[in-house]
Amino acid sequence: MKEKEQSSRLNKKKEKKKEKEKKQQTSKLQEKEKEKVEQRDDPKGEDENNGSENEDQEVEVAETFAALKEKKQADKAKIAVLEKGLRDESEKSAALEAGLRAVTIKTEEMLDRLQVAEATAADATSTSQAASLLAATTNETSQAAASLAQQAADTAQALQARLEETEGKVVKVVGDLQQTEETSQATARLAQQAANTAQALQARLEETEGKVDKVDGDLQQAKNDIALTSSISASLAKSEEMTWRIVQAGIKKVAILETKVAEANSTATQALGMANDAGNYLYRTQEVVTDTNKRVEKLEKIKKEKNDDQ
């Protein structure tokens, strides 16, 4: 009995320790989830941190799945031990029931012998001393059988209590398994969310790259316009200096645009802002080209008028 009590106390301590560790693990997961929610609610720096957040989520999901897998295996091992204990208890209970049946059969045999002895005593009163001796023997046998039956009943009661305790443990383990399954489902949802975030980032990156390609095309067009402007300006001696300054300003703006495009190619997040700046510069360059063309037309008109006058 002392060994059973010590074993029971030891099992209770182990269960309390496991529950404590489980609560700590759940608390850590809740804190990490809370941090993720706060980071999602804070839009500042979201583009810069998306990559590292995805890596952290992948690592966390892998660690969580590994921990859940280990816990599930431990729970299965625990259930196997409990099932073995139930089978052992069932075998012991069956053995006690067989013992009770044997005692019952033996008691019935004693009763039969007692009835025979009573009949013999009634038929032969001369053998009353032998009948008394047989009755005493039968009484002792009945007392022994009653004692054995009481012992078997006590043992059966103890086994019933132990069986109920074991069933309670099995129910608890099943509950833990269900909670583990729910945690696994939550982890799967978290992994799906991480995959969706990565997919959205990929789409955004492709969109940014498309805008950068468009800026490259606009830059090439601007270079062509500037080259045309330079050709026209070279043929106009009177407006050469002014046109040259305009061309130089356009070239500087194109160089600035090329620098910004190079930076945009290295950092997808900055590409959108740079593309907007490049568009503004291109618009201004086109205005300069348009203004230059107007001046060239005006100068050609003046030159033609002078030729006509001559």
C-alpha atoms as a PDB file:
ATOM      1  CA  MET A   1       0.000   0.000   0.000  1.00  0.00           C
ATOM      2  CA  LYS A   2       2.868   2.399   0.812  1.00  0.00           C
ATOM      3  CA  GLU A   3       4.472   1.751  -2.556  1.00  0.00           C
ATOM      4  CA  LYS A   4       1.173   2.476  -4.306  1.00  0.00           C
ATOM      5  CA  GLU A   5       0.755   5.748  -2.373  1.00  0.00           C
ATOM      6  CA  GLN A   6       4.318   6.810  -3.208  1.00  0.00           C
ATOM      7  CA  SER A   7       3.771   5.928  -6.873  1.00  0.00           C
ATOM      8  CA  SER A   8       0.505   7.888  -6.889  1.00  0.00           C
ATOM      9  CA  ARG A   9       2.171  10.969  -5.349  1.00  0.00           C
ATOM     10  CA  LEU A  10       5.039  10.719  -7.837  1.00  0.00           C
ATOM     11  CA  ASN A  11       2.614  10.517 -10.761  1.00  0.00           C
ATOM     12  CA  LYS A  12       0.719  13.554  -9.466  1.00  0.00           C
ATOM     13  CA  LYS A  13       3.956  15.549  -9.205  1.00  0.00           C
ATOM     14  CA  LYS A  14       4.903  14.580 -12.760  1.00  0.00           C
ATOM     15  CA  GLU A  15       1.467  15.600 -14.042  1.00  0.00           C
ATOM     16  CA  LYS A  16       1.679  18.972 -12.258  1.00  0.00           C
ATOM     17  CA  LYS A  17       5.138  19.561 -13.741  1.00  0.00           C
ATOM     18  CA  LYS A  18       3.918  18.715 -17.251  1.00  0.00           C
ATOM     19  CA  GLU A  19       0.882  20.982 -16.854  1.00  0.00           C
ATOM     20  CA  LYS A  20       3.150  23.812 -15.715  1.00  0.00           C
ATOM     21  CA  GLU A  21       5.459  23.345 -18.707  1.00  0.00           C
ATOM     22  CA  LYS A  22       2.448  23.199 -21.003  1.00  0.00           C
ATOM     23  CA  LYS A  23       1.076  26.476 -19.565  1.00  0.00           C
ATOM     24  CA  GLN A  24       4.474  28.139 -20.007  1.00  0.00           C
ATOM     25  CA  GLN A  25       4.646  26.999 -23.626  1.00  0.00           C
ATOM     26  CA  THR A  26       1.095  28.219 -24.269  1.00  0.00           C
ATOM     27  CA  SER A  27       1.954  31.569 -22.650  1.00  0.00           C
ATOM     28  CA  LYS A  28       5.008  31.958 -24.888  1.00  0.00           C
ATOM     29  CA  LEU A  29       2.959  31.192 -27.995  1.00  0.00           C
ATOM     30  CA  GLN A  30       0.338  33.748 -26.927  1.00  0.00           C
ATOM     31  CA  GLU A  31       3.021  36.416 -26.370  1.00  0.00           C
ATOM     32  CA  LYS A  32       4.519  35.762 -29.817  1.00  0.00           C
ATOM     33  CA  GLU A  33       1.073  35.913 -31.409  1.00  0.00           C
ATOM     34  CA  LYS A  34       0.404  39.206 -29.578  1.00  0.00           C
ATOM     35  CA  GLU A  35       3.683  40.661 -30.897  1.00  0.00           C
ATOM     36  CA  LYS A  36       2.722  39.633 -34.434  1.00  0.00           C
ATOM     37  CA  VAL A  37      -0.673  41.307 -34.101  1.00  0.00           C
ATOM     38  CA  GLU A  38       0.975  44.510 -32.819  1.00  0.00           C
ATOM     39  CA  GLN A  39       3.439  44.471 -35.717  1.00  0.00           C
ATOM     40  CA  ARG A  40       0.599  43.977 -38.219  1.00  0.00           C
ATOM     41  CA  ASP A  41      -1.332  46.881 -36.627  1.00  0.00           C
ATOM     42  CA  ASP A  42       1.728  49.183 -36.900  1.00  0.00           C
ATOM     43  CA  PRO A  43       2.133  50.070 -40.622  1.00  0.00           C
ATOM     44  CA  LYS A  44       5.432  51.928 -40.029  1.00  0.00           C
ATOM     45  CA  GLY A  45       8.336  50.033 -41.533  1.00  0.00           C
ATOM     46  CA  GLU A  46       6.079  47.271 -42.776  1.00  0.00           C
ATOM     47  CA  ASP A  47       7.765  46.960 -46.171  1.00  0.00           C
ATOM     48  CA  GLU A  48      11.278  46.786 -44.645  1.00  0.00           C
ATOM     49  CA  ASN A  49      10.343  44.154 -42.078  1.00  0.00           C
ATOM     50  CA  ASN A  50       8.150  41.873 -44.222  1.00  0.00           C
ATOM     51  CA  GLY A  51      11.074  39.718 -45.301  1.00  0.00           C
ATOM     52  CA  SER A  52      12.442  39.178 -41.778  1.00  0.00           C
ATOM     53  CA  GLU A  53       8.922  38.615 -40.419  1.00  0.00           C
ATOM     54  CA  ASN A  54       8.338  35.867 -42.965  1.00  0.00           C
ATOM     55  CA  GLU A  55      11.606  34.187 -41.973  1.00  0.00           C
ATOM     56  CA  ASP A  56      10.684  34.465 -38.271  1.00  0.00           C
ATOM     57  CA  GLN A  57       7.242  33.037 -38.986  1.00  0.00           C
ATOM     58  CA  GLU A  58       8.700  30.112 -40.914  1.00  0.00           C
ATOM     59  CA  VAL A  59      11.170  29.340 -38.093  1.00  0.00           C
ATOM     60  CA  GLU A  60       8.452  29.693 -35.465  1.00  0.00           C
ATOM     61  CA  VAL A  61       6.050  27.463 -37.415  1.00  0.00           C
ATOM     62  CA  ALA A  62       8.748  24.803 -37.818  1.00  0.00           C
ATOM     63  CA  GLU A  63       9.608  24.926 -34.106  1.00  0.00           C
ATOM     64  CA  THR A  64       5.927  24.804 -33.126  1.00  0.00           C
ATOM     65  CA  PHE A  65       5.260  21.804 -35.388  1.00  0.00           C
ATOM     66  CA  ALA A  66       8.310  20.006 -33.978  1.00  0.00           C
ATOM     67  CA  ALA A  67       7.177  20.669 -30.384  1.00  0.00           C
ATOM     68  CA  LEU A  68       3.626  19.535 -31.173  1.00  0.00           C
ATOM     69  CA  LYS A  69       4.945  16.392 -32.863  1.00  0.00           C
ATOM     70  CA  GLU A  70       7.076  15.524 -29.816  1.00  0.00           C
ATOM     71  CA  LYS A  71       4.158  16.189 -27.448  1.00  0.00           C
ATOM     72  CA  LYS A  72       1.825  14.074 -29.574  1.00  0.00           C
ATOM     73  CA  GLN A  73       4.282  11.175 -29.517  1.00  0.00           C
ATOM     74  CA  ALA A  74       4.666  11.543 -25.740  1.00  0.00           C
ATOM     75  CA  ASP A  75       0.865  11.528 -25.328  1.00  0.00           C
ATOM     76  CA  LYS A  76       0.597   8.396 -27.472  1.00  0.00           C
ATOM     77  CA  ALA A  77       3.239   6.697 -25.332  1.00  0.00           C
ATOM     78  CA  LYS A  78       1.365   7.744 -22.196  1.00  0.00           C
ATOM     79  CA  ILE A  79      -1.902   6.334 -23.578  1.00  0.00           C
ATOM     80  CA  ALA A  80      -0.132   3.076 -24.439  1.00  0.00           C
ATOM     81  CA  VAL A  81       1.120   2.799 -20.835  1.00  0.00           C
ATOM     82  CA  LEU A  82      -2.361   3.538 -19.486  1.00  0.00           C
ATOM     83  CA  GLU A  83      -3.940   0.994 -21.819  1.00  0.00           C
ATOM     84  CA  LYS A  84      -1.430  -1.623 -20.665  1.00  0.00           C
ATOM     85  CA  GLY A  85      -2.290  -0.775 -17.045  1.00  0.00           C
ATOM     86  CA  LEU A  86      -5.989  -1.198 -17.845  1.00  0.00           C
ATOM     87  CA  ARG A  87      -5.300  -4.581 -19.440  1.00  0.00           C
ATOM     88  CA  ASP A  88      -3.273  -5.679 -16.392  1.00  0.00           C
ATOM     89  CA  GLU A  89      -6.038  -4.562 -14.044  1.00  0.00           C
ATOM     90  CA  SER A  90      -8.616  -6.361 -16.180  1.00  0.00           C
ATOM     91  CA  GLU A  91      -6.556  -9.552 -16.015  1.00  0.00           C
ATOM     92  CA  LYS A  92      -6.257  -9.257 -12.224  1.00  0.00           C
ATOM     93  CA  SER A  93      -9.990  -8.634 -11.938  1.00  0.00           C
ATOM     94  CA  ALA A  94     -10.683 -11.697 -14.100  1.00  0.00           C
ATOM     95  CA  ALA A  95      -8.385 -13.789 -11.877  1.00  0.00           C
ATOM     96  CA  LEU A  96     -10.220 -12.603  -8.758  1.00  0.00           C
ATOM     97  CA  GLU A  97     -13.559 -13.396 -10.348  1.00  0.00           C
ATOM     98  CA  ALA A  98     -12.282 -16.897 -11.145  1.00  0.00           C
ATOM     99  CA  GLY A  99     -11.178 -17.242  -7.498  1.00  0.00           C
ATOM    100  CA  LEU A 100     -14.614 -16.105  -6.310  1.00  0.00           C
ATOM    101  CA  ARG A 101     -16.277 -18.679  -8.566  1.00  0.00           C
ATOM    102  CA  ALA A 102     -13.989 -21.404  -7.149  1.00  0.00           C
ATOM    103  CA  VAL A 103     -14.863 -20.346  -3.579  1.00  0.00           C
ATOM    104  CA  THR A 104     -18.551 -20.377  -4.470  1.00  0.00           C
ATOM    105  CA  ILE A 105     -18.277 -23.889  -5.934  1.00  0.00           C
ATOM    106  CA  LYS A 106     -16.373 -25.085  -2.872  1.00  0.00           C
ATOM    107  CA  THR A 107     -18.970 -23.548  -0.561  1.00  0.00           C
ATOM    108  CA  GLU A 108     -21.777 -25.259  -2.483  1.00  0.00           C
ATOM    109  CA  GLU A 109     -19.925 -28.574  -2.147  1.00  0.00           C
ATOM    110  CA  MET A 110     -19.647 -28.024   1.624  1.00  0.00           C
ATOM    111  CA  LEU A 111     -23.336 -27.268   1.796  1.00  0.00           C
ATOM    112  CA  ASP A 112     -24.079 -30.483  -0.081  1.00  0.00           C
ATOM    113  CA  ARG A 113     -21.903 -32.407   2.335  1.00  0.00           C
ATOM    114  CA  LEU A 114     -23.640 -30.698   5.217  1.00  0.00           C
ATOM    115  CA  GLN A 115     -27.025 -31.763   3.870  1.00  0.00           C
ATOM    116  CA  VAL A 116     -25.754 -35.339   3.487  1.00  0.00           C
ATOM    117  CA  ALA A 117     -24.411 -35.211   7.039  1.00  0.00           C
ATOM    118  CA  GLU A 118     -27.730 -33.931   8.364  1.00  0.00           C
ATOM    119  CA  ALA A 119     -29.569 -36.719   6.541  1.00  0.00           C
ATOM    120  CA  THR A 120     -27.130 -39.264   7.914  1.00  0.00           C
ATOM    121  CA  ALA A 121     -27.559 -37.869  11.441  1.00  0.00           C
ATOM    122  CA  ALA A 122     -31.332 -38.096  11.105  1.00  0.00           C
ATOM    123  CA  ASP A 123     -31.155 -41.693   9.898  1.00  0.00           C
ATOM    124  CA  ALA A 124     -28.502 -42.833  12.383  1.00  0.00           C
ATOM    125  CA  THR A 125     -28.670 -41.037  15.695  1.00  0.00           C
ATOM    126  CA  SER A 126     -26.034 -43.412  16.977  1.00  0.00           C
ATOM    127  CA  THR A 127     -23.474 -41.581  14.867  1.00  0.00           C
ATOM    128  CA  SER A 128     -24.290 -38.130  16.371  1.00  0.00           C
ATOM    129  CA  GLN A 129     -20.718 -37.644  17.549  1.00  0.00           C
ATOM    130  CA  ALA A 130     -19.404 -38.084  13.990  1.00  0.00           C
ATOM    131  CA  ALA A 131     -22.102 -35.746  12.691  1.00  0.00           C
ATOM    132  CA  SER A 132     -21.132 -33.117  15.278  1.00  0.00           C
ATOM    133  CA  LEU A 133     -17.491 -33.381  14.209  1.00  0.00           C
ATOM    134  CA  LEU A 134     -18.503 -33.047  10.547  1.00  0.00           C
ATOM    135  CA  ALA A 135     -20.677 -30.038  11.382  1.00  0.00           C
ATOM    136  CA  ALA A 136     -17.760 -28.379  13.188  1.00  0.00           C
ATOM    137  CA  THR A 137     -15.522 -29.006  10.185  1.00  0.00           C
ATOM    138  CA  THR A 138     -18.180 -27.638   7.862  1.00  0.00           C
ATOM    139  CA  ASN A 139     -18.553 -24.538  10.057  1.00  0.00           C
ATOM    140  CA  GLU A 140     -14.819 -23.874   9.940  1.00  0.00           C
ATOM    141  CA  THR A 141     -14.830 -24.338   6.181  1.00  0.00           C
ATOM    142  CA  SER A 142     -17.768 -21.928   5.845  1.00  0.00           C
ATOM    143  CA  GLN A 143     -15.957 -19.329   7.962  1.00  0.00           C
ATOM    144  CA  ALA A 144     -12.820 -19.694   5.842  1.00  0.00           C
ATOM    145  CA  ALA A 145     -14.898 -19.376   2.686  1.00  0.00           C
ATOM    146  CA  ALA A 146     -16.628 -16.263   4.068  1.00  0.00           C
ATOM    147  CA  SER A 147     -13.238 -14.724   4.939  1.00  0.00           C
ATOM    148  CA  LEU A 148     -11.919 -15.472   1.464  1.00  0.00           C
ATOM    149  CA  ALA A 149     -15.068 -14.020  -0.095  1.00  0.00           C
ATOM    150  CA  GLN A 150     -14.696 -10.834   2.004  1.00  0.00           C
ATOM    151  CA  GLN A 151     -11.047 -10.534   0.970  1.00  0.00           C
ATOM    152  CA  ALA A 152     -12.018 -10.984  -2.679  1.00  0.00           C
ATOM    153  CA  ALA A 153     -14.743  -8.332  -2.327  1.00  0.00           C
ATOM    154  CA  ASP A 154     -12.241  -5.863  -0.779  1.00  0.00           C
ATOM    155  CA  THR A 155      -9.765  -6.557  -3.566  1.00  0.00           C
ATOM    156  CA  ALA A 156     -12.466  -6.091  -6.206  1.00  0.00           C
ATOM    157  CA  GLN A 157     -13.462  -2.767  -4.604  1.00  0.00           C
ATOM    158  CA  ALA A 158      -9.827  -1.583  -4.617  1.00  0.00           C
ATOM    159  CA  LEU A 159      -9.485  -2.642  -8.250  1.00  0.00           C
ATOM    160  CA  GLN A 160     -12.680  -0.775  -9.134  1.00  0.00           C
ATOM    161  CA  ALA A 161     -11.321   2.415  -7.526  1.00  0.00           C
ATOM    162  CA  ARG A 162      -8.012   2.024  -9.339  1.00  0.00           C
ATOM    163  CA  LEU A 163      -9.827   1.357 -12.602  1.00  0.00           C
ATOM    164  CA  GLU A 164     -11.868   4.562 -12.181  1.00  0.00           C
ATOM    165  CA  GLU A 165      -8.669   6.505 -11.466  1.00  0.00           C
ATOM    166  CA  THR A 166      -7.034   5.069 -14.595  1.00  0.00           C
ATOM    167  CA  GLU A 167     -10.089   5.911 -16.701  1.00  0.00           C
ATOM    168  CA  GLY A 168      -9.893   9.487 -15.390  1.00  0.00           C
ATOM    169  CA  LYS A 169      -6.267   9.681 -16.512  1.00  0.00           C
ATOM    170  CA  VAL A 170      -7.221   8.359 -19.936  1.00  0.00           C
ATOM    171  CA  VAL A 171      -9.944  11.016 -20.241  1.00  0.00           C
ATOM    172  CA  LYS A 172      -7.405  13.689 -19.290  1.00  0.00           C
ATOM    173  CA  VAL A 173      -4.913  12.452 -21.878  1.00  0.00           C
ATOM    174  CA  VAL A 174      -7.651  12.444 -24.532  1.00  0.00           C
ATOM    175  CA  GLY A 175      -8.437  16.049 -23.592  1.00  0.00           C
ATOM    176  CA  ASP A 176      -4.758  16.953 -23.917  1.00  0.00           C
ATOM    177  CA  LEU A 177      -4.686  15.308 -27.352  1.00  0.00           C
ATOM    178  CA  GLN A 178      -7.719  17.313 -28.434  1.00  0.00           C
ATOM    179  CA  GLN A 179      -6.063  20.522 -27.272  1.00  0.00           C
ATOM    180  CA  THR A 180      -2.921  19.485 -29.155  1.00  0.00           C
ATOM    181  CA  GLU A 181      -4.996  19.022 -32.327  1.00  0.00           C
ATOM    182  CA  GLU A 182      -6.521  22.486 -31.866  1.00  0.00           C
ATOM    183  CA  THR A 183      -3.045  23.967 -31.409  1.00  0.00           C
ATOM    184  CA  SER A 184      -1.929  22.166 -34.586  1.00  0.00           C
ATOM    185  CA  GLN A 185      -4.860  23.682 -36.482  1.00  0.00           C
ATOM    186  CA  ALA A 186      -3.987  27.161 -35.167  1.00  0.00           C
ATOM    187  CA  THR A 187      -0.377  26.630 -36.248  1.00  0.00           C
ATOM    188  CA  ALA A 188      -1.553  25.545 -39.706  1.00  0.00           C
ATOM    189  CA  ARG A 189      -3.632  28.729 -39.976  1.00  0.00           C
ATOM    190  CA  LEU A 190      -0.568  30.741 -38.964  1.00  0.00           C
ATOM    191  CA  ALA A 191       1.505  28.992 -41.650  1.00  0.00           C
ATOM    192  CA  GLN A 192      -1.189  29.726 -44.271  1.00  0.00           C
ATOM    193  CA  GLN A 193      -1.217  33.371 -43.206  1.00  0.00           C
ATOM    194  CA  ALA A 194       2.561  33.536 -43.603  1.00  0.00           C
ATOM    195  CA  ALA A 195       2.276  31.984 -47.085  1.00  0.00           C
ATOM    196  CA  ASN A 196      -0.406  34.524 -48.071  1.00  0.00           C
ATOM    197  CA  THR A 197       1.812  37.378 -46.845  1.00  0.00           C
ATOM    198  CA  ALA A 198       4.758  36.061 -48.863  1.00  0.00           C
ATOM    199  CA  GLN A 199       2.554  35.756 -51.960  1.00  0.00           C
ATOM    200  CA  ALA A 200       1.300  39.340 -51.535  1.00  0.00           C
ATOM    201  CA  LEU A 201       4.880  40.586 -51.178  1.00  0.00           C
ATOM    202  CA  GLN A 202       5.888  38.712 -54.347  1.00  0.00           C
ATOM    203  CA  ALA A 203       3.020  40.311 -56.282  1.00  0.00           C
ATOM    204  CA  ARG A 204       3.960  43.742 -54.964  1.00  0.00           C
ATOM    205  CA  LEU A 205       7.599  43.202 -55.942  1.00  0.00           C
ATOM    206  CA  GLU A 206       6.584  42.189 -59.481  1.00  0.00           C
ATOM    207  CA  GLU A 207       4.401  45.285 -59.745  1.00  0.00           C
ATOM    208  CA  THR A 208       7.312  47.477 -58.591  1.00  0.00           C
ATOM    209  CA  GLU A 209       9.660  45.869 -61.120  1.00  0.00           C
ATOM    210  CA  GLY A 210       7.131  46.592 -63.865  1.00  0.00           C
ATOM    211  CA  LYS A 211       7.033  50.252 -62.847  1.00  0.00           C
ATOM    212  CA  VAL A 212      10.838  50.383 -62.856  1.00  0.00           C
ATOM    213  CA  ASP A 213      10.881  48.949 -66.404  1.00  0.00           C
ATOM    214  CA  LYS A 214       8.430  51.658 -67.465  1.00  0.00           C
ATOM    215  CA  VAL A 215      10.685  54.328 -65.950  1.00  0.00           C
ATOM    216  CA  ASP A 216      13.607  52.885 -67.949  1.00  0.00           C
ATOM    217  CA  GLY A 217      11.570  53.244 -71.142  1.00  0.00           C
ATOM    218  CA  ASP A 218      10.633  56.828 -70.251  1.00  0.00           C
ATOM    219  CA  LEU A 219      14.308  57.578 -69.616  1.00  0.00           C
ATOM    220  CA  GLN A 220      15.264  56.237 -73.040  1.00  0.00           C
ATOM    221  CA  GLN A 221      12.571  58.380 -74.636  1.00  0.00           C
ATOM    222  CA  ALA A 222      13.899  61.384 -72.723  1.00  0.00           C
ATOM    223  CA  LYS A 223      17.410  60.661 -74.027  1.00  0.00           C
ATOM    224  CA  ASN A 224      16.078  60.486 -77.586  1.00  0.00           C
ATOM    225  CA  ASP A 225      14.241  63.793 -77.138  1.00  0.00           C
ATOM    226  CA  ILE A 226      17.377  65.421 -75.741  1.00  0.00           C
ATOM    227  CA  ALA A 227      19.454  64.088 -78.649  1.00  0.00           C
ATOM    228  CA  LEU A 228      16.932  65.561 -81.093  1.00  0.00           C
ATOM    229  CA  THR A 229      16.983  68.845 -79.215  1.00  0.00           C
ATOM    230  CA  SER A 230      20.795  68.917 -79.363  1.00  0.00           C
ATOM    231  CA  SER A 231      20.703  68.335 -83.146  1.00  0.00           C
ATOM    232  CA  ILE A 232      18.256  71.165 -83.670  1.00  0.00           C
ATOM    233  CA  SER A 233      20.145  73.478 -81.320  1.00  0.00           C
ATOM    234  CA  ALA A 234      23.440  72.833 -83.146  1.00  0.00           C
ATOM    235  CA  SER A 235      21.946  74.248 -86.368  1.00  0.00           C
ATOM    236  CA  LEU A 236      20.873  77.437 -84.661  1.00  0.00           C
ATOM    237  CA  ALA A 237      23.907  79.627 -84.021  1.00  0.00           C
ATOM    238  CA  LYS A 238      22.056  82.410 -82.278  1.00  0.00           C
ATOM    239  CA  SER A 239      20.346  80.057 -79.808  1.00  0.00           C
ATOM    240  CA  GLU A 240      23.305  77.677 -79.448  1.00  0.00           C
ATOM    241  CA  GLU A 241      24.348  78.814 -75.977  1.00  0.00           C
ATOM    242  CA  MET A 242      20.792  78.783 -74.610  1.00  0.00           C
ATOM    243  CA  THR A 243      20.036  75.429 -76.191  1.00  0.00           C
ATOM    244  CA  TRP A 244      23.308  73.981 -74.869  1.00  0.00           C
ATOM    245  CA  ARG A 245      22.402  75.008 -71.342  1.00  0.00           C
ATOM    246  CA  ILE A 246      18.992  73.439 -71.722  1.00  0.00           C
ATOM    247  CA  VAL A 247      20.549  70.232 -73.045  1.00  0.00           C
ATOM    248  CA  GLN A 248      23.077  70.150 -70.188  1.00  0.00           C
ATOM    249  CA  ALA A 249      20.283  70.645 -67.651  1.00  0.00           C
ATOM    250  CA  GLY A 250      18.343  67.823 -69.298  1.00  0.00           C
ATOM    251  CA  ILE A 251      21.388  65.538 -69.241  1.00  0.00           C
ATOM    252  CA  LYS A 252      21.910  66.257 -65.547  1.00  0.00           C
ATOM    253  CA  LYS A 253      18.285  65.459 -64.868  1.00  0.00           C
ATOM    254  CA  VAL A 254      18.613  62.219 -66.847  1.00  0.00           C
ATOM    255  CA  ALA A 255      21.730  61.312 -64.828  1.00  0.00           C
ATOM    256  CA  ILE A 256      19.782  61.931 -61.627  1.00  0.00           C
ATOM    257  CA  LEU A 257      16.972  59.760 -62.969  1.00  0.00           C
ATOM    258  CA  GLU A 258      19.410  56.969 -63.888  1.00  0.00           C
ATOM    259  CA  THR A 259      20.890  57.085 -60.376  1.00  0.00           C
ATOM    260  CA  LYS A 260      17.452  56.862 -58.842  1.00  0.00           C
ATOM    261  CA  VAL A 261      16.506  53.952 -61.123  1.00  0.00           C
ATOM    262  CA  ALA A 262      19.686  52.083 -60.092  1.00  0.00           C
ATOM    263  CA  GLU A 263      18.756  52.579 -56.445  1.00  0.00           C
ATOM    264  CA  ALA A 264      15.218  51.431 -57.217  1.00  0.00           C
ATOM    265  CA  ASN A 265      16.532  48.180 -58.754  1.00  0.00           C
ATOM    266  CA  SER A 266      18.493  47.404 -55.552  1.00  0.00           C
ATOM    267  CA  THR A 267      15.645  48.123 -53.148  1.00  0.00           C
ATOM    268  CA  ALA A 268      12.107  47.209 -54.190  1.00  0.00           C
ATOM    269  CA  THR A 269      10.533  49.237 -51.385  1.00  0.00           C
ATOM    270  CA  GLN A 270      12.236  52.502 -52.477  1.00  0.00           C
ATOM    271  CA  ALA A 271      11.451  51.886 -56.149  1.00  0.00           C
ATOM    272  CA  LEU A 272       7.949  53.352 -55.966  1.00  0.00           C
ATOM    273  CA  GLY A 273       9.126  56.672 -54.526  1.00  0.00           C
ATOM    274  CA  MET A 274      12.002  56.895 -56.976  1.00  0.00           C
ATOM    275  CA  ALA A 275       9.697  56.062 -59.866  1.00  0.00           C
ATOM    276  CA  ASN A 276       7.430  58.943 -58.858  1.00  0.00           C
ATOM    277  CA  ASP A 277      10.431  61.294 -58.688  1.00  0.00           C
ATOM    278  CA  ALA A 278      11.641  60.041 -62.076  1.00  0.00           C
ATOM    279  CA  GLY A 279       8.204  60.690 -63.542  1.00  0.00           C
ATOM    280  CA  ASN A 280       8.258  64.255 -62.214  1.00  0.00           C
ATOM    281  CA  TYR A 281      11.734  64.862 -63.625  1.00  0.00           C
ATOM    282  CA  LEU A 282      10.711  63.363 -66.973  1.00  0.00           C
ATOM    283  CA  TYR A 283       7.676  65.600 -67.094  1.00  0.00           C
ATOM    284  CA  ARG A 284       9.839  68.653 -66.446  1.00  0.00           C
ATOM    285  CA  THR A 285      12.353  67.510 -69.082  1.00  0.00           C
ATOM    286  CA  GLN A 286       9.571  67.142 -71.617  1.00  0.00           C
ATOM    287  CA  GLU A 287       8.399  70.646 -70.742  1.00  0.00           C
ATOM    288  CA  VAL A 288      11.924  71.927 -71.373  1.00  0.00           C
ATOM    289  CA  VAL A 289      12.064  70.085 -74.709  1.00  0.00           C
ATOM    290  CA  THR A 290       8.671  71.467 -75.679  1.00  0.00           C
ATOM    291  CA  ASP A 291       9.764  74.966 -74.731  1.00  0.00           C
ATOM    292  CA  THR A 292      12.982  74.511 -76.732  1.00  0.00           C
ATOM    293  CA  ASN A 293      11.050  73.340 -79.786  1.00  0.00           C
ATOM    294  CA  LYS A 294       8.839  76.407 -79.548  1.00  0.00           C
ATOM    295  CA  ARG A 295      11.894  78.639 -79.388  1.00  0.00           C
ATOM    296  CA  VAL A 296      13.467  76.854 -82.354  1.00  0.00           C
ATOM    297  CA  GLU A 297      10.305  77.323 -84.383  1.00  0.00           C
ATOM    298  CA  LYS A 298      10.251  80.960 -83.405  1.00  0.00           C
ATOM    299  CA  LEU A 299      13.899  81.422 -84.430  1.00  0.00           C
ATOM    300  CA  GLU A 300      13.304  79.669 -87.764  1.00  0.00           C
ATOM    301  CA  LYS A 301      10.337  81.904 -88.380  1.00  0.00           C
ATOM    302  CA  ILE A 302      12.425  85.007 -87.637  1.00  0.00           C
ATOM    303  CA  LYS A 303      15.209  83.715 -89.877  1.00  0.00           C
ATOM    304  CA  LYS A 304      12.730  83.068 -92.700  1.00  0.00           C
ATOM    305  CA  GLU A 305      11.247  86.531 -92.325  1.00  0.00           C
ATOM    306  CA  LYS A 306      14.718  88.070 -92.551  1.00  0.00           C
ATOM    307  CA  ASN A 307      15.495  86.033 -95.668  1.00  0.00           C
ATOM    308  CA  ASP A 308      12.230  87.154 -97.209  1.00  0.00           C
ATOM    309  CA  ASP A 309      13.072  90.782 -96.401  1.00  0.00           C
ATOM    310  CA  GLN A 310      16.446  90.465 -98.079  1.00  0.00           C
END
